[in-house]
Amino acid sequence: PQVVTKAHLAGCAAAKQGKFKEFKDNWWEKAFKTRKMDDE
């Protein structure tokens, strides 16, 4: 949770717009793999 709480909240918010998969796929490629998991 100290690292990914905001990302999970963001995934939930994306799902509410029907775009969870798009958010998740981009998150893994652009944030998780690069370890840039900040607000920006």
All heavy atoms as atom14 arrays in JSON, in Angstrom:
{
  "sequence": "PQVVTKAHLAGCAAAKQGKFKEFKDNWWEKAFKTRKMDDE",
  "atom14_mask": [
    [1, 1, 1, 1, 1, 1, 1, 0, 0, 0, 0, 0, 0, 0],
    [1, 1, 1, 1, 1, 1, 1, 1, 1, 0, 0, 0, 0, 0],
    [1, 1, 1, 1, 1, 1, 1, 0, 0, 0, 0, 0, 0, 0],
    [1, 1, 1, 1, 1, 1, 1, 0, 0, 0, 0, 0, 0, 0],
    [1, 1, 1, 1, 1, 1, 1, 0, 0, 0, 0, 0, 0, 0],
    [1, 1, 1, 1, 1, 1, 1, 1, 1, 0, 0, 0, 0, 0],
    [1, 1, 1, 1, 1, 0, 0, 0, 0, 0, 0, 0, 0, 0],
    [1, 1, 1, 1, 1, 1, 1, 1, 1, 1, 0, 0, 0, 0],
    [1, 1, 1, 1, 1, 1, 1, 1, 0, 0, 0, 0, 0, 0],
    [1, 1, 1, 1, 1, 0, 0, 0, 0, 0, 0, 0, 0, 0],
    [1, 1, 1, 1, 0, 0, 0, 0, 0, 0, 0, 0, 0, 0],
    [1, 1, 1, 1, 1, 1, 0, 0, 0, 0, 0, 0, 0, 0],
    [1, 1, 1, 1, 1, 0, 0, 0, 0, 0, 0, 0, 0, 0],
    [1, 1, 1, 1, 1, 0, 0, 0, 0, 0, 0, 0, 0, 0],
    [1, 1, 1, 1, 1, 0, 0, 0, 0, 0, 0, 0, 0, 0],
    [1, 1, 1, 1, 1, 1, 1, 1, 1, 0, 0, 0, 0, 0],
    [1, 1, 1, 1, 1, 1, 1, 1, 1, 0, 0, 0, 0, 0],
    [1, 1, 1, 1, 0, 0, 0, 0, 0, 0, 0, 0, 0, 0],
    [1, 1, 1, 1, 1, 1, 1, 1, 1, 0, 0, 0, 0, 0],
    [1, 1, 1, 1, 1, 1, 1, 1, 1, 1, 1, 0, 0, 0],
    [1, 1, 1, 1, 1, 1, 1, 1, 1, 0, 0, 0, 0, 0],
    [1, 1, 1, 1, 1, 1, 1, 1, 1, 0, 0, 0, 0, 0],
    [1, 1, 1, 1, 1, 1, 1, 1, 1, 1, 1, 0, 0, 0],
    [1, 1, 1, 1, 1, 1, 1, 1, 1, 0, 0, 0, 0, 0],
    [1, 1, 1, 1, 1, 1, 1, 1, 0, 0, 0, 0, 0, 0],
    [1, 1, 1, 1, 1, 1, 1, 1, 0, 0, 0, 0, 0, 0],
    [1, 1, 1, 1, 1, 1, 1, 1, 1, 1, 1, 1, 1, 1],
    [1, 1, 1, 1, 1, 1, 1, 1, 1, 1, 1, 1, 1, 1],
    [1, 1, 1, 1, 1, 1, 1, 1, 1, 0, 0, 0, 0, 0],
    [1, 1, 1, 1, 1, 1, 1, 1, 1, 0, 0, 0, 0, 0],
    [1, 1, 1, 1, 1, 0, 0, 0, 0, 0, 0, 0, 0, 0],
    [1, 1, 1, 1, 1, 1, 1, 1, 1, 1, 1, 0, 0, 0],
    [1, 1, 1, 1, 1, 1, 1, 1, 1, 0, 0, 0, 0, 0],
    [1, 1, 1, 1, 1, 1, 1, 0, 0, 0, 0, 0, 0, 0],
    [1, 1, 1, 1, 1, 1, 1, 1, 1, 1, 1, 0, 0, 0],
    [1, 1, 1, 1, 1, 1, 1, 1, 1, 0, 0, 0, 0, 0],
    [1, 1, 1, 1, 1, 1, 1, 1, 0, 0, 0, 0, 0, 0],
    [1, 1, 1, 1, 1, 1, 1, 1, 0, 0, 0, 0, 0, 0],
    [1, 1, 1, 1, 1, 1, 1, 1, 0, 0, 0, 0, 0, 0],
    [1, 1, 1, 1, 1, 1, 1, 1, 1, 0, 0, 0, 0, 0]
  ],
  "atom14_positions": [
    [[0.79, -1.23, 0.0], [0.0, 0.0, 0.0], [0.82, 1.28, 0.0], [0.39, 2.28, -0.56], [-0.85, -0.12, 1.26], [-0.16, -1.12, 2.12], [0.56, -2.04, 1.18], [0.0, 0.0, 0.0], [0.0, 0.0, 0.0], [0.0, 0.0, 0.0], [0.0, 0.0, 0.0], [0.0, 0.0, 0.0], [0.0, 0.0, 0.0], [0.0, 0.0, 0.0]],
    [[1.99, 1.26, 0.59], [2.8, 2.46, 0.65], [3.24, 2.91, -0.74], [3.59, 4.06, -0.95], [4.01, 2.26, 1.57], [5.04, 1.27, 1.09], [4.71, -0.21, 1.29], [3.59, -0.58, 1.6], [5.69, -1.05, 1.1], [0.0, 0.0, 0.0], [0.0, 0.0, 0.0], [0.0, 0.0, 0.0], [0.0, 0.0, 0.0], [0.0, 0.0, 0.0]],
    [[3.18, 2.0, -1.72], [3.63, 2.32, -3.07], [2.47, 2.47, -4.05], [2.51, 3.34, -4.91], [4.59, 1.21, -3.58], [5.03, 1.48, -5.02], [5.79, 1.07, -2.67], [0.0, 0.0, 0.0], [0.0, 0.0, 0.0], [0.0, 0.0, 0.0], [0.0, 0.0, 0.0], [0.0, 0.0, 0.0], [0.0, 0.0, 0.0], [0.0, 0.0, 0.0]],
    [[1.45, 1.65, -3.94], [0.47, 1.58, -5.02], [-0.98, 1.92, -4.63], [-1.88, 1.71, -5.44], [0.5, 0.21, -5.71], [1.82, -0.02, -6.4], [0.2, -0.9, -4.73], [0.0, 0.0, 0.0], [0.0, 0.0, 0.0], [0.0, 0.0, 0.0], [0.0, 0.0, 0.0], [0.0, 0.0, 0.0], [0.0, 0.0, 0.0], [0.0, 0.0, 0.0]],
    [[-1.21, 2.45, -3.46], [-2.59, 2.78, -3.07], [-3.23, 3.74, -4.08], [-4.35, 3.5, -4.53], [-2.63, 3.38, -1.66], [-2.22, 2.38, -0.74], [-4.02, 3.87, -1.3], [0.0, 0.0, 0.0], [0.0, 0.0, 0.0], [0.0, 0.0, 0.0], [0.0, 0.0, 0.0], [0.0, 0.0, 0.0], [0.0, 0.0, 0.0], [0.0, 0.0, 0.0]],
    [[-2.55, 4.8, -4.43], [-3.13, 5.77, -5.37], [-3.38, 5.14, -6.73], [-4.37, 5.44, -7.39], [-2.23, 7.0, -5.5], [-2.3, 7.91, -4.29], [-1.5, 9.16, -4.53], [-1.59, 10.08, -3.33], [-0.82, 11.32, -3.53], [0.0, 0.0, 0.0], [0.0, 0.0, 0.0], [0.0, 0.0, 0.0], [0.0, 0.0, 0.0], [0.0, 0.0, 0.0]],
    [[-2.5, 4.25, -7.15], [-2.69, 3.58, -8.44], [-3.93, 2.71, -8.41], [-4.67, 2.64, -9.41], [-1.46, 2.75, -8.79], [0.0, 0.0, 0.0], [0.0, 0.0, 0.0], [0.0, 0.0, 0.0], [0.0, 0.0, 0.0], [0.0, 0.0, 0.0], [0.0, 0.0, 0.0], [0.0, 0.0, 0.0], [0.0, 0.0, 0.0], [0.0, 0.0, 0.0]],
    [[-4.2, 2.06, -7.31], [-5.4, 1.24, -7.21], [-6.66, 2.1, -7.19], [-7.67, 1.74, -7.81], [-5.34, 0.32, -5.99], [-4.48, -0.87, -6.24], [-4.96, -2.04, -6.76], [-3.16, -1.06, -6.08], [-3.98, -2.89, -6.91], [-2.87, -2.33, -6.5], [0.0, 0.0, 0.0], [0.0, 0.0, 0.0], [0.0, 0.0, 0.0], [0.0, 0.0, 0.0]],
    [[-6.61, 3.22, -6.51], [-7.74, 4.14, -6.55], [-7.95, 4.65, -7.98], [-9.09, 4.77, -8.44], [-7.51, 5.31, -5.6], [-7.54, 4.97, -4.1], [-7.06, 6.15, -3.28], [-8.93, 4.52, -3.67], [0.0, 0.0, 0.0], [0.0, 0.0, 0.0], [0.0, 0.0, 0.0], [0.0, 0.0, 0.0], [0.0, 0.0, 0.0], [0.0, 0.0, 0.0]],
    [[-6.85, 4.9, -8.68], [-6.94, 5.34, -10.07], [-7.54, 4.25, -10.95], [-8.36, 4.54, -11.83], [-5.55, 5.75, -10.58], [0.0, 0.0, 0.0], [0.0, 0.0, 0.0], [0.0, 0.0, 0.0], [0.0, 0.0, 0.0], [0.0, 0.0, 0.0], [0.0, 0.0, 0.0], [0.0, 0.0, 0.0], [0.0, 0.0, 0.0], [0.0, 0.0, 0.0]],
    [[-7.16, 3.01, -10.71], [-7.73, 1.9, -11.48], [-9.23, 1.8, -11.26], [-10.0, 1.56, -12.2], [0.0, 0.0, 0.0], [0.0, 0.0, 0.0], [0.0, 0.0, 0.0], [0.0, 0.0, 0.0], [0.0, 0.0, 0.0], [0.0, 0.0, 0.0], [0.0, 0.0, 0.0], [0.0, 0.0, 0.0], [0.0, 0.0, 0.0], [0.0, 0.0, 0.0]],
    [[-9.66, 1.99, -10.04], [-11.1, 1.99, -9.72], [-11.79, 3.13, -10.47], [-12.85, 2.93, -11.08], [-11.29, 2.13, -8.21], [-13.02, 2.32, -7.72], [0.0, 0.0, 0.0], [0.0, 0.0, 0.0], [0.0, 0.0, 0.0], [0.0, 0.0, 0.0], [0.0, 0.0, 0.0], [0.0, 0.0, 0.0], [0.0, 0.0, 0.0], [0.0, 0.0, 0.0]],
    [[-11.2, 4.32, -10.44], [-11.8, 5.47, -11.12], [-11.86, 5.23, -12.62], [-12.86, 5.59, -13.26], [-11.0, 6.73, -10.8], [0.0, 0.0, 0.0], [0.0, 0.0, 0.0], [0.0, 0.0, 0.0], [0.0, 0.0, 0.0], [0.0, 0.0, 0.0], [0.0, 0.0, 0.0], [0.0, 0.0, 0.0], [0.0, 0.0, 0.0], [0.0, 0.0, 0.0]],
    [[-10.84, 4.61, -13.19], [-10.85, 4.3, -14.62], [-11.96, 3.29, -14.93], [-12.66, 3.42, -15.94], [-9.49, 3.75, -15.04], [0.0, 0.0, 0.0], [0.0, 0.0, 0.0], [0.0, 0.0, 0.0], [0.0, 0.0, 0.0], [0.0, 0.0, 0.0], [0.0, 0.0, 0.0], [0.0, 0.0, 0.0], [0.0, 0.0, 0.0], [0.0, 0.0, 0.0]],
    [[-12.15, 2.31, -14.05], [-13.2, 1.31, -14.25], [-14.58, 1.95, -14.25], [-15.47, 1.52, -14.99], [-13.11, 0.24, -13.16], [0.0, 0.0, 0.0], [0.0, 0.0, 0.0], [0.0, 0.0, 0.0], [0.0, 0.0, 0.0], [0.0, 0.0, 0.0], [0.0, 0.0, 0.0], [0.0, 0.0, 0.0], [0.0, 0.0, 0.0], [0.0, 0.0, 0.0]],
    [[-14.76, 2.99, -13.45], [-16.06, 3.67, -13.4], [-16.38, 4.35, -14.74], [-17.54, 4.63, -15.01], [-16.09, 4.67, -12.25], [-16.14, 3.97, -10.88], [-16.09, 4.94, -9.74], [-17.29, 5.8, -9.65], [-18.42, 5.34, -8.92], [0.0, 0.0, 0.0], [0.0, 0.0, 0.0], [0.0, 0.0, 0.0], [0.0, 0.0, 0.0], [0.0, 0.0, 0.0]],
    [[-15.35, 4.55, -15.56], [-15.57, 5.1, -16.91], [-15.49, 4.0, -17.97], [-15.45, 4.29, -19.17], [-14.54, 6.2, -17.2], [-14.71, 7.43, -16.33], [-13.77, 8.55, -16.73], [-13.54, 8.79, -17.92], [-13.24, 9.26, -15.74], [0.0, 0.0, 0.0], [0.0, 0.0, 0.0], [0.0, 0.0, 0.0], [0.0, 0.0, 0.0], [0.0, 0.0, 0.0]],
    [[-15.4, 2.75, -17.52], [-15.34, 1.64, -18.47], [-14.0, 1.5, -19.16], [-13.9, 0.91, -20.23], [0.0, 0.0, 0.0], [0.0, 0.0, 0.0], [0.0, 0.0, 0.0], [0.0, 0.0, 0.0], [0.0, 0.0, 0.0], [0.0, 0.0, 0.0], [0.0, 0.0, 0.0], [0.0, 0.0, 0.0], [0.0, 0.0, 0.0], [0.0, 0.0, 0.0]],
    [[-12.94, 2.05, -18.54], [-11.63, 2.04, -19.19], [-10.55, 1.45, -18.28], [-9.39, 1.85, -18.35], [-11.25, 3.45, -19.61], [-12.22, 4.0, -20.66], [-11.61, 5.08, -21.46], [-12.59, 5.47, -22.56], [-11.96, 6.25, -23.57], [0.0, 0.0, 0.0], [0.0, 0.0, 0.0], [0.0, 0.0, 0.0], [0.0, 0.0, 0.0], [0.0, 0.0, 0.0]],
    [[-10.93, 0.48, -17.46], [-9.94, -0.12, -16.57], [-8.81, -0.78, -17.36], [-7.64, -0.6, -17.05], [-10.57, -1.15, -15.63], [-9.55, -1.88, -14.81], [-8.98, -1.27, -13.7], [-9.13, -3.16, -15.16], [-8.02, -1.91, -12.95], [-8.15, -3.8, -14.41], [-7.61, -3.17, -13.3], [0.0, 0.0, 0.0], [0.0, 0.0, 0.0], [0.0, 0.0, 0.0]],
    [[-9.16, -1.57, -18.37], [-8.14, -2.28, -19.13], [-7.15, -1.31, -19.78], [-5.94, -1.53, -19.71], [-8.77, -3.18, -20.2], [-7.72, -4.01, -20.94], [-8.34, -4.97, -21.91], [-7.36, -5.83, -22.67], [-6.0, -5.44, -22.77], [0.0, 0.0, 0.0], [0.0, 0.0, 0.0], [0.0, 0.0, 0.0], [0.0, 0.0, 0.0], [0.0, 0.0, 0.0]],
    [[-7.67, -0.24, -20.36], [-6.79, 0.74, -20.98], [-5.85, 1.35, -19.93], [-4.65, 1.51, -20.16], [-7.6, 1.85, -21.66], [-8.38, 1.4, -22.86], [-9.77, 0.86, -22.53], [-10.04, 0.5, -21.37], [-10.58, 0.79, -23.46], [0.0, 0.0, 0.0], [0.0, 0.0, 0.0], [0.0, 0.0, 0.0], [0.0, 0.0, 0.0], [0.0, 0.0, 0.0]],
    [[-6.41, 1.71, -18.77], [-5.59, 2.28, -17.71], [-4.54, 1.27, -17.24], [-3.36, 1.58, -17.14], [-6.45, 2.74, -16.52], [-5.63, 3.35, -15.42], [-5.29, 4.68, -15.45], [-5.17, 2.57, -14.37], [-4.5, 5.25, -14.45], [-4.39, 3.12, -13.37], [-4.05, 4.46, -13.41], [0.0, 0.0, 0.0], [0.0, 0.0, 0.0], [0.0, 0.0, 0.0]],
    [[-4.98, 0.04, -16.96], [-4.08, -1.0, -16.44], [-2.95, -1.27, -17.42], [-1.78, -1.33, -17.02], [-4.85, -2.27, -16.17], [-3.97, -3.45, -15.73], [-4.7, -4.76, -15.75], [-5.12, -5.22, -17.09], [-4.18, -5.96, -17.89], [0.0, 0.0, 0.0], [0.0, 0.0, 0.0], [0.0, 0.0, 0.0], [0.0, 0.0, 0.0], [0.0, 0.0, 0.0]],
    [[-3.28, -1.45, -18.69], [-2.24, -1.75, -19.68], [-1.22, -0.62, -19.75], [0.0, -0.87, -19.77], [-2.87, -1.99, -21.06], [-3.66, -3.29, -21.13], [-3.57, -4.12, -20.19], [-4.4, -3.46, -22.12], [0.0, 0.0, 0.0], [0.0, 0.0, 0.0], [0.0, 0.0, 0.0], [0.0, 0.0, 0.0], [0.0, 0.0, 0.0], [0.0, 0.0, 0.0]],
    [[-1.7, 0.62, -19.79], [-0.79, 1.76, -19.81], [0.02, 1.86, -18.52], [1.19, 2.21, -18.53], [-1.56, 3.07, -20.03], [-1.95, 3.28, -21.47], [-1.17, 3.01, -22.37], [-3.16, 3.75, -21.7], [0.0, 0.0, 0.0], [0.0, 0.0, 0.0], [0.0, 0.0, 0.0], [0.0, 0.0, 0.0], [0.0, 0.0, 0.0], [0.0, 0.0, 0.0]],
    [[-0.63, 1.57, -17.39], [0.05, 1.66, -16.1], [1.24, 0.71, -16.05], [2.34, 1.08, -15.65], [-0.92, 1.36, -14.96], [-0.26, 1.43, -13.62], [0.14, 0.38, -12.85], [0.12, 2.6, -12.91], [0.74, 0.84, -11.7], [0.74, 2.2, -11.72], [-0.01, 3.96, -13.18], [1.24, 3.1, -10.8], [0.48, 4.86, -12.25], [1.1, 4.43, -11.08]],
    [[1.03, -0.53, -16.47], [2.12, -1.51, -16.43], [3.27, -1.09, -17.33], [4.44, -1.23, -16.95], [1.62, -2.9, -16.82], [0.87, -3.54, -15.71], [-0.48, -3.72, -15.64], [1.4, -4.07, -14.5], [-0.81, -4.32, -14.45], [0.32, -4.56, -13.73], [2.69, -4.19, -13.98], [0.49, -5.13, -12.49], [2.85, -4.77, -12.74], [1.76, -5.23, -12.01]],
    [[2.95, -0.58, -18.5], [4.0, -0.22, -19.45], [4.69, 1.1, -19.1], [5.91, 1.2, -19.18], [3.43, -0.12, -20.87], [3.08, -1.46, -21.47], [4.25, -2.43, -21.55], [5.37, -2.02, -21.92], [4.05, -3.62, -21.22], [0.0, 0.0, 0.0], [0.0, 0.0, 0.0], [0.0, 0.0, 0.0], [0.0, 0.0, 0.0], [0.0, 0.0, 0.0]],
    [[3.93, 2.1, -18.7], [4.48, 3.44, -18.55], [4.85, 3.81, -17.12], [5.56, 4.78, -16.91], [3.5, 4.46, -19.11], [3.29, 4.31, -20.59], [2.26, 5.28, -21.11], [2.07, 5.07, -22.61], [0.9, 5.74, -23.11], [0.0, 0.0, 0.0], [0.0, 0.0, 0.0], [0.0, 0.0, 0.0], [0.0, 0.0, 0.0], [0.0, 0.0, 0.0]],
    [[4.36, 3.07, -16.15], [4.64, 3.44, -14.75], [5.29, 2.3, -13.98], [6.37, 2.47, -13.41], [3.36, 3.89, -14.06], [0.0, 0.0, 0.0], [0.0, 0.0, 0.0], [0.0, 0.0, 0.0], [0.0, 0.0, 0.0], [0.0, 0.0, 0.0], [0.0, 0.0, 0.0], [0.0, 0.0, 0.0], [0.0, 0.0, 0.0], [0.0, 0.0, 0.0]],
    [[4.64, 1.16, -13.96], [5.16, 0.07, -13.13], [6.53, -0.4, -13.6], [7.46, -0.51, -12.8], [4.17, -1.11, -13.1], [4.58, -2.18, -12.13], [4.32, -2.05, -10.79], [5.25, -3.31, -12.57], [4.71, -3.02, -9.88], [5.65, -4.29, -11.68], [5.37, -4.14, -10.33], [0.0, 0.0, 0.0], [0.0, 0.0, 0.0], [0.0, 0.0, 0.0]],
    [[6.66, -0.69, -14.87], [7.94, -1.2, -15.38], [9.06, -0.18, -15.24], [10.23, -0.55, -15.11], [7.81, -1.63, -16.84], [7.05, -2.93, -17.0], [6.99, -3.35, -18.46], [6.27, -4.66, -18.63], [6.17, -5.05, -20.05], [0.0, 0.0, 0.0], [0.0, 0.0, 0.0], [0.0, 0.0, 0.0], [0.0, 0.0, 0.0], [0.0, 0.0, 0.0]],
    [[8.73, 1.1, -15.27], [9.75, 2.14, -15.14], [9.93, 2.6, -13.7], [10.78, 3.41, -13.41], [9.39, 3.36, -16.01], [8.17, 3.92, -15.52], [9.27, 2.98, -17.47], [0.0, 0.0, 0.0], [0.0, 0.0, 0.0], [0.0, 0.0, 0.0], [0.0, 0.0, 0.0], [0.0, 0.0, 0.0], [0.0, 0.0, 0.0], [0.0, 0.0, 0.0]],
    [[9.07, 2.08, -12.81], [9.07, 2.42, -11.37], [8.75, 3.89, -11.14], [9.14, 4.48, -10.14], [10.41, 2.07, -10.71], [10.73, 0.59, -10.75], [9.8, -0.14, -9.82], [10.18, -1.53, -9.68], [9.37, -2.54, -9.95], [8.16, -2.31, -10.38], [9.76, -3.77, -9.78], [0.0, 0.0, 0.0], [0.0, 0.0, 0.0], [0.0, 0.0, 0.0]],
    [[8.03, 4.49, -12.07], [7.57, 5.88, -11.91], [6.09, 5.82, -11.57], [5.23, 5.95, -12.44], [7.82, 6.67, -13.19], [9.28, 6.85, -13.5], [9.48, 7.63, -14.78], [10.97, 7.75, -15.08], [11.21, 8.4, -16.36], [0.0, 0.0, 0.0], [0.0, 0.0, 0.0], [0.0, 0.0, 0.0], [0.0, 0.0, 0.0], [0.0, 0.0, 0.0]],
    [[5.78, 5.62, -10.28], [4.4, 5.42, -9.86], [3.9, 6.58, -9.01], [3.23, 6.4, -8.02], [4.3, 4.09, -9.11], [4.64, 2.91, -10.0], [4.49, 1.32, -9.18], [6.04, 1.22, -8.31], [0.0, 0.0, 0.0], [0.0, 0.0, 0.0], [0.0, 0.0, 0.0], [0.0, 0.0, 0.0], [0.0, 0.0, 0.0], [0.0, 0.0, 0.0]],
    [[4.22, 7.78, -9.42], [3.84, 8.97, -8.67], [2.55, 9.58, -9.24], [1.97, 9.06, -10.2], [4.98, 9.99, -8.68], [5.42, 10.37, -10.09], [4.75, 9.98, -11.07], [6.44, 11.07, -10.21], [0.0, 0.0, 0.0], [0.0, 0.0, 0.0], [0.0, 0.0, 0.0], [0.0, 0.0, 0.0], [0.0, 0.0, 0.0], [0.0, 0.0, 0.0]],
    [[2.12, 10.68, -8.64], [0.88, 11.35, -9.07], [0.96, 11.78, -10.54], [-0.02, 11.66, -11.28], [0.59, 12.56, -8.2], [0.2, 12.17, -6.79], [-0.19, 11.01, -6.56], [0.25, 13.05, -5.9], [0.0, 0.0, 0.0], [0.0, 0.0, 0.0], [0.0, 0.0, 0.0], [0.0, 0.0, 0.0], [0.0, 0.0, 0.0], [0.0, 0.0, 0.0]],
    [[2.1, 12.28, -10.95], [2.27, 12.72, -12.34], [2.07, 11.55, -13.3], [1.4, 11.68, -14.34], [3.65, 13.34, -12.53], [3.87, 13.9, -13.93], [5.25, 14.54, -14.09], [5.84, 14.99, -13.1], [5.71, 14.57, -15.24], [0.0, 0.0, 0.0], [0.0, 0.0, 0.0], [0.0, 0.0, 0.0], [0.0, 0.0, 0.0], [0.0, 0.0, 0.0]]
  ]
}
